[in-house]
Amino acid sequence: MSFEDTIAAVLDGRLAPLRLELQRLATEVSDLRQALPPLLVSVPIAAERLGVSLSTARRRVRDGEWPVRRDGRRVLVDLGTLHAKTNEELSDVSRMLRNDRVARGGT
């Protein structure tokens, strides 16, 4: 067995518990995503967050490209199904929402 093979075997043994922990955490994140309520926002806010014009957002809603929920006459876009598919994107959206809440005087 060469020196490189020995090092590789030692590293594999040391990394195995980390791989298992990473897999467990990925499963927990997936479960949390499914448990979270939908992120419903108005069409103008969805347009802003997704970087499109208001007319494009309305067209996407009308054409059924964006999932929506209706609350009386209000049309709410479910951003959670359109965006934030990766952990990094989820963190970015969470940070953006927290900053918006703080800017509006919330906590």
Protein backbone atom coordinates (compact mmCIF):
# COMPACT_ATOMS: atom_id res chain seq x y z
CA MET A 1 0.00 0.00 0.00
CA SER A 2 1.42 3.39 -0.99
CA PHE A 3 1.59 6.44 1.19
CA GLU A 4 -1.24 8.06 -0.81
CA ASP A 5 -3.42 4.96 -0.37
CA THR A 6 -2.80 5.02 3.38
CA ILE A 7 -3.69 8.71 3.61
CA ALA A 8 -6.83 8.14 1.51
CA ALA A 9 -7.93 5.26 3.76
CA VAL A 10 -7.40 7.33 6.91
CA LEU A 11 -9.30 10.28 5.45
CA ASP A 12 -12.18 8.06 4.34
CA GLY A 13 -12.44 6.68 7.87
CA ARG A 14 -12.40 10.14 9.42
CA LEU A 15 -14.85 11.61 6.91
CA ALA A 16 -17.42 8.80 7.15
CA PRO A 17 -19.12 10.21 10.31
CA LEU A 18 -19.20 13.67 8.72
CA ARG A 19 -20.85 12.29 5.59
CA LEU A 20 -23.50 10.59 7.72
CA GLU A 21 -24.13 13.81 9.67
CA LEU A 22 -24.38 15.81 6.44
CA GLN A 23 -26.90 13.33 5.06
CA ARG A 24 -28.94 13.54 8.29
CA LEU A 25 -28.91 17.35 8.15
CA ALA A 26 -29.95 17.36 4.49
CA THR A 27 -32.91 15.14 5.40
CA GLU A 28 -33.87 17.49 8.24
CA VAL A 29 -33.72 20.52 5.93
CA SER A 30 -35.92 18.73 3.43
CA ASP A 31 -38.43 17.89 6.16
CA LEU A 32 -38.42 21.50 7.36
CA ARG A 33 -39.07 22.76 3.84
CA GLN A 34 -42.13 20.55 3.61
CA ALA A 35 -43.38 21.63 7.05
CA LEU A 36 -43.08 25.37 6.44
CA PRO A 37 -46.20 27.26 5.44
CA PRO A 38 -46.21 28.69 1.93
CA LEU A 39 -44.55 32.06 1.37
CA LEU A 40 -47.51 34.00 -0.01
CA VAL A 41 -46.96 37.53 -1.30
CA SER A 42 -48.89 39.94 -3.48
CA VAL A 43 -48.24 40.02 -7.22
CA PRO A 44 -46.31 43.34 -7.06
CA ILE A 45 -44.04 42.00 -4.32
CA ALA A 46 -43.51 38.74 -6.22
CA ALA A 47 -42.55 40.75 -9.32
CA GLU A 48 -40.04 42.75 -7.30
CA ARG A 49 -38.54 39.71 -5.57
CA LEU A 50 -38.23 37.75 -8.79
CA GLY A 51 -36.87 40.66 -10.79
CA VAL A 52 -39.62 40.97 -13.39
CA SER A 53 -41.99 43.77 -14.33
CA LEU A 54 -45.46 43.92 -12.85
CA SER A 55 -47.02 43.24 -16.27
CA THR A 56 -44.82 40.13 -16.69
CA ALA A 57 -45.82 38.94 -13.22
CA ARG A 58 -49.50 39.43 -14.00
CA ARG A 59 -49.12 37.57 -17.28
CA ARG A 60 -47.39 34.66 -15.54
CA VAL A 61 -50.22 34.50 -13.01
CA ARG A 62 -52.87 34.70 -15.73
CA ASP A 63 -51.14 31.99 -17.81
CA GLY A 64 -50.83 29.70 -14.80
CA GLU A 65 -47.01 29.78 -14.79
CA TRP A 66 -46.94 30.95 -11.18
CA PRO A 67 -48.90 29.11 -8.49
CA VAL A 68 -51.30 31.40 -6.70
CA ARG A 69 -53.81 31.30 -3.89
CA ARG A 70 -56.79 33.55 -3.70
CA ASP A 71 -57.89 35.30 -0.53
CA GLY A 72 -61.16 36.91 -1.47
CA ARG A 73 -60.22 39.24 -4.31
CA ARG A 74 -56.51 39.21 -3.44
CA VAL A 75 -54.19 37.10 -5.54
CA LEU A 76 -51.19 35.79 -3.61
CA VAL A 77 -48.18 34.19 -5.31
CA ASP A 78 -46.53 31.24 -3.57
CA LEU A 79 -42.87 32.22 -3.79
CA GLY A 80 -41.78 29.05 -2.05
CA THR A 81 -42.64 26.99 -5.11
CA LEU A 82 -41.01 29.41 -7.52
CA HIS A 83 -37.78 30.18 -5.79
CA ALA A 84 -35.40 29.17 -3.05
CA LYS A 85 -34.69 25.65 -4.13
CA THR A 86 -31.17 25.47 -2.71
CA ASN A 87 -30.09 25.99 0.88
CA GLU A 88 -28.19 29.13 -0.16
CA GLU A 89 -31.28 30.53 -1.88
CA LEU A 90 -33.39 29.74 1.19
CA SER A 91 -30.90 31.62 3.36
CA ASP A 92 -30.97 34.59 0.98
CA VAL A 93 -34.77 34.75 0.96
CA SER A 94 -34.92 34.40 4.74
CA ARG A 95 -32.38 37.20 5.18
CA MET A 96 -34.25 39.42 2.70
CA LEU A 97 -37.57 38.87 4.49
CA ARG A 98 -36.01 39.61 7.88
CA ASN A 99 -34.48 42.82 6.52
CA ASP A 100 -37.85 43.84 5.01
CA ARG A 101 -39.58 43.20 8.33
CA VAL A 102 -36.98 45.25 10.24
CA ALA A 103 -37.22 48.07 7.67
CA ARG A 104 -40.98 48.21 8.21
CA GLY A 105 -40.51 48.50 11.97
CA GLY A 106 -41.06 44.84 12.88
CA THR A 107 -38.74 42.64 14.88
